[in-house]
């Protein structure tokens, strides 16, 4: 295999529901993963407590993936 050839290309689809709430359709998962905001991140984006349901952020998933 050539050094510059991709070994894997992830096929992901993101659907914005409303506000910060997004659904990520990921390979090998039968249900979408829901992303949103919570705590200090929610406050940074200026949404009120209870305005949207709390969900893990995309940053939370990146940190979890890097730690794994």
PDB file of N, CA and C in Angstrom:
ATOM      1  N   UNK A   1       0.845  -1.175   0.000  1.00  0.00           N
ATOM      2  CA  UNK A   1       0.000   0.000   0.000  1.00  0.00           C
ATOM      3  C   UNK A   1       0.887   1.234   0.000  1.00  0.00           C
ATOM      4  N   UNK A   2       0.523   2.225  -0.784  1.00  0.00           N
ATOM      5  CA  UNK A   2       1.268   3.486  -0.826  1.00  0.00           C
ATOM      6  C   UNK A   2       1.138   4.209   0.505  1.00  0.00           C
ATOM      7  N   UNK A   3       2.171   4.958   0.892  1.00  0.00           N
ATOM      8  CA  UNK A   3       2.168   5.668   2.168  1.00  0.00           C
ATOM      9  C   UNK A   3       1.056   6.697   2.282  1.00  0.00           C
ATOM     10  N   UNK A   4       0.592   7.245   1.189  1.00  0.00           N
ATOM     11  CA  UNK A   4      -0.417   8.310   1.239  1.00  0.00           C
ATOM     12  C   UNK A   4      -1.842   7.805   1.019  1.00  0.00           C
ATOM     13  N   UNK A   5      -2.038   6.515   1.050  1.00  0.00           N
ATOM     14  CA  UNK A   5      -3.368   5.950   0.822  1.00  0.00           C
ATOM     15  C   UNK A   5      -4.110   5.815   2.152  1.00  0.00           C
ATOM     16  N   UNK A   6      -5.346   6.279   2.177  1.00  0.00           N
ATOM     17  CA  UNK A   6      -6.151   6.181   3.394  1.00  0.00           C
ATOM     18  C   UNK A   6      -6.473   4.716   3.692  1.00  0.00           C
ATOM     19  N   UNK A   7      -6.392   4.350   4.953  1.00  0.00           N
ATOM     20  CA  UNK A   7      -6.733   3.009   5.382  1.00  0.00           C
ATOM     21  C   UNK A   7      -8.219   2.913   5.687  1.00  0.00           C
ATOM     22  N   UNK A   8      -8.798   4.028   6.185  1.00  0.00           N
ATOM     23  CA  UNK A   8     -10.194   4.026   6.585  1.00  0.00           C
ATOM     24  C   UNK A   8     -10.772   5.415   6.395  1.00  0.00           C
ATOM     25  N   UNK A   9     -11.976   5.480   5.879  1.00  0.00           N
ATOM     26  CA  UNK A   9     -12.710   6.731   5.770  1.00  0.00           C
ATOM     27  C   UNK A   9     -14.010   6.564   6.537  1.00  0.00           C
ATOM     28  N   UNK A  10     -14.197   7.390   7.573  1.00  0.00           N
ATOM     29  CA  UNK A  10     -15.395   7.303   8.404  1.00  0.00           C
ATOM     30  C   UNK A  10     -16.564   7.983   7.697  1.00  0.00           C
ATOM     31  N   UNK A  11     -17.678   7.316   7.649  1.00  0.00           N
ATOM     32  CA  UNK A  11     -18.902   7.863   7.052  1.00  0.00           C
ATOM     33  C   UNK A  11     -19.830   8.276   8.187  1.00  0.00           C
ATOM     34  N   UNK A  12     -19.902   9.556   8.467  1.00  0.00           N
ATOM     35  CA  UNK A  12     -20.680  10.107   9.574  1.00  0.00           C
ATOM     36  C   UNK A  12     -21.641  11.147   9.025  1.00  0.00           C
ATOM     37  N   UNK A  13     -22.854  11.162   9.580  1.00  0.00           N
ATOM     38  CA  UNK A  13     -23.835  12.181   9.192  1.00  0.00           C
ATOM     39  C   UNK A  13     -24.285  12.894  10.455  1.00  0.00           C
ATOM     40  N   UNK A  14     -24.302  14.232  10.422  1.00  0.00           N
ATOM     41  CA  UNK A  14     -24.723  15.052  11.551  1.00  0.00           C
ATOM     42  C   UNK A  14     -26.021  15.765  11.178  1.00  0.00           C
ATOM     43  N   UNK A  15     -27.014  15.697  12.073  1.00  0.00           N
ATOM     44  CA  UNK A  15     -28.292  16.363  11.847  1.00  0.00           C
ATOM     45  C   UNK A  15     -28.544  17.295  13.029  1.00  0.00           C
ATOM     46  N   UNK A  16     -28.717  18.581  12.743  1.00  0.00           N
ATOM     47  CA  UNK A  16     -29.029  19.541  13.802  1.00  0.00           C
ATOM     48  C   UNK A  16     -30.520  19.483  14.073  1.00  0.00           C
ATOM     49  N   UNK A  17     -30.890  19.210  15.322  1.00  0.00           N
ATOM     50  CA  UNK A  17     -32.300  19.186  15.709  1.00  0.00           C
ATOM     51  C   UNK A  17     -32.790  20.605  15.961  1.00  0.00           C
ATOM     52  N   UNK A  18     -32.193  21.247  16.965  1.00  0.00           N
ATOM     53  CA  UNK A  18     -32.523  22.629  17.310  1.00  0.00           C
ATOM     54  C   UNK A  18     -31.455  23.129  18.261  1.00  0.00           C
ATOM     55  N   UNK A  19     -31.174  24.411  18.194  1.00  0.00           N
ATOM     56  CA  UNK A  19     -30.145  24.987  19.062  1.00  0.00           C
ATOM     57  C   UNK A  19     -28.867  24.171  19.005  1.00  0.00           C
ATOM     58  N   UNK A  20     -28.324  23.824  20.170  1.00  0.00           N
ATOM     59  CA  UNK A  20     -27.064  23.076  20.191  1.00  0.00           C
ATOM     60  C   UNK A  20     -27.240  21.559  20.060  1.00  0.00           C
ATOM     61  N   UNK A  21     -28.475  21.087  19.956  1.00  0.00           N
ATOM     62  CA  UNK A  21     -28.723  19.646  19.937  1.00  0.00           C
ATOM     63  C   UNK A  21     -28.512  19.091  18.527  1.00  0.00           C
ATOM     64  N   UNK A  22     -27.611  18.091  18.432  1.00  0.00           N
ATOM     65  CA  UNK A  22     -27.294  17.462  17.151  1.00  0.00           C
ATOM     66  C   UNK A  22     -27.280  15.951  17.321  1.00  0.00           C
ATOM     67  N   UNK A  23     -27.652  15.258  16.276  1.00  0.00           N
ATOM     68  CA  UNK A  23     -27.573  13.802  16.260  1.00  0.00           C
ATOM     69  C   UNK A  23     -26.476  13.401  15.293  1.00  0.00           C
ATOM     70  N   UNK A  24     -25.604  12.519  15.754  1.00  0.00           N
ATOM     71  CA  UNK A  24     -24.521  12.004  14.912  1.00  0.00           C
ATOM     72  C   UNK A  24     -24.811  10.549  14.584  1.00  0.00           C
ATOM     73  N   UNK A  25     -24.909  10.256  13.322  1.00  0.00           N
ATOM     74  CA  UNK A  25     -25.105   8.886  12.854  1.00  0.00           C
ATOM     75  C   UNK A  25     -23.728   8.320  12.526  1.00  0.00           C
ATOM     76  N   UNK A  26     -23.303   7.337  13.335  1.00  0.00           N
ATOM     77  CA  UNK A  26     -21.948   6.814  13.270  1.00  0.00           C
ATOM     78  C   UNK A  26     -21.942   5.371  12.770  1.00  0.00           C
ATOM     79  N   UNK A  27     -20.862   4.962  12.117  1.00  0.00           N
ATOM     80  CA  UNK A  27     -20.756   3.576  11.675  1.00  0.00           C
ATOM     81  C   UNK A  27     -20.856   2.617  12.863  1.00  0.00           C
ATOM     82  N   UNK A  28     -21.484   1.501  12.663  1.00  0.00           N
ATOM     83  CA  UNK A  28     -21.602   0.413  13.634  1.00  0.00           C
ATOM     84  C   UNK A  28     -22.488   0.742  14.831  1.00  0.00           C
ATOM     85  N   UNK A  29     -23.173   1.867  14.812  1.00  0.00           N
ATOM     86  CA  UNK A  29     -24.103   2.214  15.892  1.00  0.00           C
ATOM     87  C   UNK A  29     -25.517   2.192  15.336  1.00  0.00           C
ATOM     88  N   UNK A  30     -26.414   1.495  16.015  1.00  0.00           N
ATOM     89  CA  UNK A  30     -27.778   1.386  15.520  1.00  0.00           C
ATOM     90  C   UNK A  30     -28.611   2.628  15.834  1.00  0.00           C
ATOM     91  N   UNK A  31     -28.211   3.386  16.836  1.00  0.00           N
ATOM     92  CA  UNK A  31     -28.918   4.607  17.227  1.00  0.00           C
ATOM     93  C   UNK A  31     -27.972   5.799  17.116  1.00  0.00           C
ATOM     94  N   UNK A  32     -28.497   6.981  16.803  1.00  0.00           N
ATOM     95  CA  UNK A  32     -27.625   8.154  16.731  1.00  0.00           C
ATOM     96  C   UNK A  32     -27.103   8.534  18.113  1.00  0.00           C
ATOM     97  N   UNK A  33     -25.942   9.157  18.126  1.00  0.00           N
ATOM     98  CA  UNK A  33     -25.363   9.716  19.341  1.00  0.00           C
ATOM     99  C   UNK A  33     -25.825  11.164  19.409  1.00  0.00           C
ATOM    100  N   UNK A  34     -26.335  11.594  20.565  1.00  0.00           N
ATOM    101  CA  UNK A  34     -26.852  12.953  20.711  1.00  0.00           C
ATOM    102  C   UNK A  34     -25.782  13.823  21.360  1.00  0.00           C
ATOM    103  N   UNK A  35     -25.483  14.943  20.721  1.00  0.00           N
ATOM    104  CA  UNK A  35     -24.545  15.938  21.239  1.00  0.00           C
ATOM    105  C   UNK A  35     -25.317  17.179  21.647  1.00  0.00           C
ATOM    106  N   UNK A  36     -24.792  17.897  22.593  1.00  0.00           N
ATOM    107  CA  UNK A  36     -25.403  19.157  23.014  1.00  0.00           C
ATOM    108  C   UNK A  36     -24.423  19.956  23.827  1.00  0.00           C
ATOM    109  N   UNK A  37     -24.927  20.589  24.872  1.00  0.00           N
ATOM    110  CA  UNK A  37     -24.082  21.349  25.785  1.00  0.00           C
ATOM    111  C   UNK A  37     -24.542  21.079  27.213  1.00  0.00           C
ATOM    112  N   UNK A  38     -23.720  21.493  28.157  1.00  0.00           N
ATOM    113  CA  UNK A  38     -24.034  21.366  29.578  1.00  0.00           C
ATOM    114  C   UNK A  38     -23.102  22.291  30.351  1.00  0.00           C
ATOM    115  N   UNK A  39     -23.489  22.633  31.555  1.00  0.00           N
ATOM    116  CA  UNK A  39     -22.641  23.384  32.477  1.00  0.00           C
ATOM    117  C   UNK A  39     -21.985  24.626  31.882  1.00  0.00           C
ATOM    118  N   UNK A  40     -20.674  24.771  32.082  1.00  0.00           N
ATOM    119  CA  UNK A  40     -19.961  25.960  31.608  1.00  0.00           C
ATOM    120  C   UNK A  40     -20.036  26.153  30.091  1.00  0.00           C
ATOM    121  N   UNK A  41     -20.112  25.060  29.349  1.00  0.00           N
ATOM    122  CA  UNK A  41     -20.216  25.187  27.889  1.00  0.00           C
ATOM    123  C   UNK A  41     -21.564  25.802  27.526  1.00  0.00           C
ATOM    124  N   UNK A  42     -22.621  25.336  28.178  1.00  0.00           N
ATOM    125  CA  UNK A  42     -23.955  25.912  27.951  1.00  0.00           C
ATOM    126  C   UNK A  42     -23.936  27.399  28.279  1.00  0.00           C
ATOM    127  N   UNK A  43     -23.345  27.755  29.406  1.00  0.00           N
ATOM    128  CA  UNK A  43     -23.271  29.162  29.813  1.00  0.00           C
ATOM    129  C   UNK A  43     -22.488  29.983  28.792  1.00  0.00           C
ATOM    130  N   UNK A  44     -21.394  29.434  28.275  1.00  0.00           N
ATOM    131  CA  UNK A  44     -20.583  30.132  27.265  1.00  0.00           C
ATOM    132  C   UNK A  44     -21.414  30.478  26.031  1.00  0.00           C
ATOM    133  N   UNK A  45     -22.271  29.556  25.617  1.00  0.00           N
ATOM    134  CA  UNK A  45     -23.098  29.788  24.436  1.00  0.00           C
ATOM    135  C   UNK A  45     -24.381  30.553  24.739  1.00  0.00           C
ATOM    136  N   UNK A  46     -24.608  30.877  26.007  1.00  0.00           N
ATOM    137  CA  UNK A  46     -25.721  31.753  26.367  1.00  0.00           C
ATOM    138  C   UNK A  46     -27.090  31.109  26.381  1.00  0.00           C
ATOM    139  N   UNK A  47     -27.158  29.803  26.566  1.00  0.00           N
ATOM    140  CA  UNK A  47     -28.468  29.172  26.683  1.00  0.00           C
ATOM    141  C   UNK A  47     -28.790  28.973  28.161  1.00  0.00           C
ATOM    142  N   UNK A  48     -30.041  29.093  28.493  1.00  0.00           N
ATOM    143  CA  UNK A  48     -30.484  29.016  29.882  1.00  0.00           C
ATOM    144  C   UNK A  48     -30.600  27.564  30.343  1.00  0.00           C
ATOM    145  N   UNK A  49     -30.456  27.371  31.643  1.00  0.00           N
ATOM    146  CA  UNK A  49     -30.669  26.057  32.233  1.00  0.00           C
ATOM    147  C   UNK A  49     -32.084  25.601  31.886  1.00  0.00           C
ATOM    148  N   UNK A  50     -32.212  24.388  31.362  1.00  0.00           N
ATOM    149  CA  UNK A  50     -33.514  23.845  31.009  1.00  0.00           C
ATOM    150  C   UNK A  50     -34.021  24.239  29.627  1.00  0.00           C
ATOM    151  N   UNK A  51     -33.344  25.179  28.961  1.00  0.00           N
ATOM    152  CA  UNK A  51     -33.768  25.578  27.609  1.00  0.00           C
ATOM    153  C   UNK A  51     -33.637  24.405  26.639  1.00  0.00           C
ATOM    154  N   UNK A  52     -32.564  23.647  26.770  1.00  0.00           N
ATOM    155  CA  UNK A  52     -32.324  22.440  25.986  1.00  0.00           C
ATOM    156  C   UNK A  52     -31.876  21.354  26.951  1.00  0.00           C
ATOM    157  N   UNK A  53     -32.141  20.099  26.662  1.00  0.00           N
ATOM    158  CA  UNK A  53     -31.655  19.039  27.559  1.00  0.00           C
ATOM    159  C   UNK A  53     -30.125  18.985  27.540  1.00  0.00           C
ATOM    160  N   UNK A  54     -29.541  18.715  28.693  1.00  0.00           N
ATOM    161  CA  UNK A  54     -28.088  18.578  28.773  1.00  0.00           C
ATOM    162  C   UNK A  54     -27.642  17.299  28.077  1.00  0.00           C
ATOM    163  N   UNK A  55     -26.613  17.426  27.270  1.00  0.00           N
ATOM    164  CA  UNK A  55     -25.962  16.287  26.618  1.00  0.00           C
ATOM    165  C   UNK A  55     -24.475  16.555  26.580  1.00  0.00           C
ATOM    166  N   UNK A  56     -23.689  15.505  26.450  1.00  0.00           N
ATOM    167  CA  UNK A  56     -22.254  15.648  26.295  1.00  0.00           C
ATOM    168  C   UNK A  56     -21.955  16.469  25.037  1.00  0.00           C
ATOM    169  N   UNK A  57     -20.880  17.228  25.112  1.00  0.00           N
ATOM    170  CA  UNK A  57     -20.465  18.033  23.961  1.00  0.00           C
ATOM    171  C   UNK A  57     -19.578  17.202  23.037  1.00  0.00           C
ATOM    172  N   UNK A  58     -19.352  17.714  21.846  1.00  0.00           N
ATOM    173  CA  UNK A  58     -18.416  17.051  20.949  1.00  0.00           C
ATOM    174  C   UNK A  58     -17.030  17.019  21.577  1.00  0.00           C
ATOM    175  N   UNK A  59     -16.673  18.072  22.322  1.00  0.00           N
ATOM    176  CA  UNK A  59     -15.372  18.100  23.006  1.00  0.00           C
ATOM    177  C   UNK A  59     -15.271  16.957  24.023  1.00  0.00           C
ATOM    178  N   UNK A  60     -16.352  16.678  24.735  1.00  0.00           N
ATOM    179  CA  UNK A  60     -16.345  15.557  25.681  1.00  0.00           C
ATOM    180  C   UNK A  60     -16.002  14.249  24.968  1.00  0.00           C
ATOM    181  N   UNK A  61     -16.563  14.047  23.783  1.00  0.00           N
ATOM    182  CA  UNK A  61     -16.305  12.820  23.030  1.00  0.00           C
ATOM    183  C   UNK A  61     -14.870  12.778  22.515  1.00  0.00           C
ATOM    184  N   UNK A  62     -14.339  13.920  22.084  1.00  0.00           N
ATOM    185  CA  UNK A  62     -12.945  13.955  21.608  1.00  0.00           C
ATOM    186  C   UNK A  62     -11.991  13.606  22.749  1.00  0.00           C
ATOM    187  N   UNK A  63     -12.229  14.190  23.926  1.00  0.00           N
ATOM    188  CA  UNK A  63     -11.375  13.889  25.082  1.00  0.00           C
ATOM    189  C   UNK A  63     -11.480  12.414  25.456  1.00  0.00           C
ATOM    190  N   UNK A  64     -12.688  11.866  25.463  1.00  0.00           N
ATOM    191  CA  UNK A  64     -12.864  10.452  25.785  1.00  0.00           C
ATOM    192  C   UNK A  64     -12.148   9.560  24.772  1.00  0.00           C
ATOM    193  N   UNK A  65     -12.239   9.917  23.498  1.00  0.00           N
ATOM    194  CA  UNK A  65     -11.576   9.118  22.458  1.00  0.00           C
ATOM    195  C   UNK A  65     -10.056   9.184  22.596  1.00  0.00           C
ATOM    196  N   UNK A  66      -9.536  10.353  22.897  1.00  0.00           N
ATOM    197  CA  UNK A  66      -8.088  10.506  23.042  1.00  0.00           C
ATOM    198  C   UNK A  66      -7.571   9.788  24.286  1.00  0.00           C
ATOM    199  N   UNK A  67      -8.386   9.722  25.330  1.00  0.00           N
ATOM    200  CA  UNK A  67      -7.973   9.073  26.568  1.00  0.00           C
ATOM    201  C   UNK A  67      -8.032   7.559  26.464  1.00  0.00           C
ATOM    202  N   UNK A  68      -8.844   7.065  25.515  1.00  0.00           N
ATOM    203  CA  UNK A  68      -9.050   5.621  25.397  1.00  0.00           C
ATOM    204  C   UNK A  68      -7.897   4.940  24.768  1.00  0.00           C
TER     205      UNK A  68
END
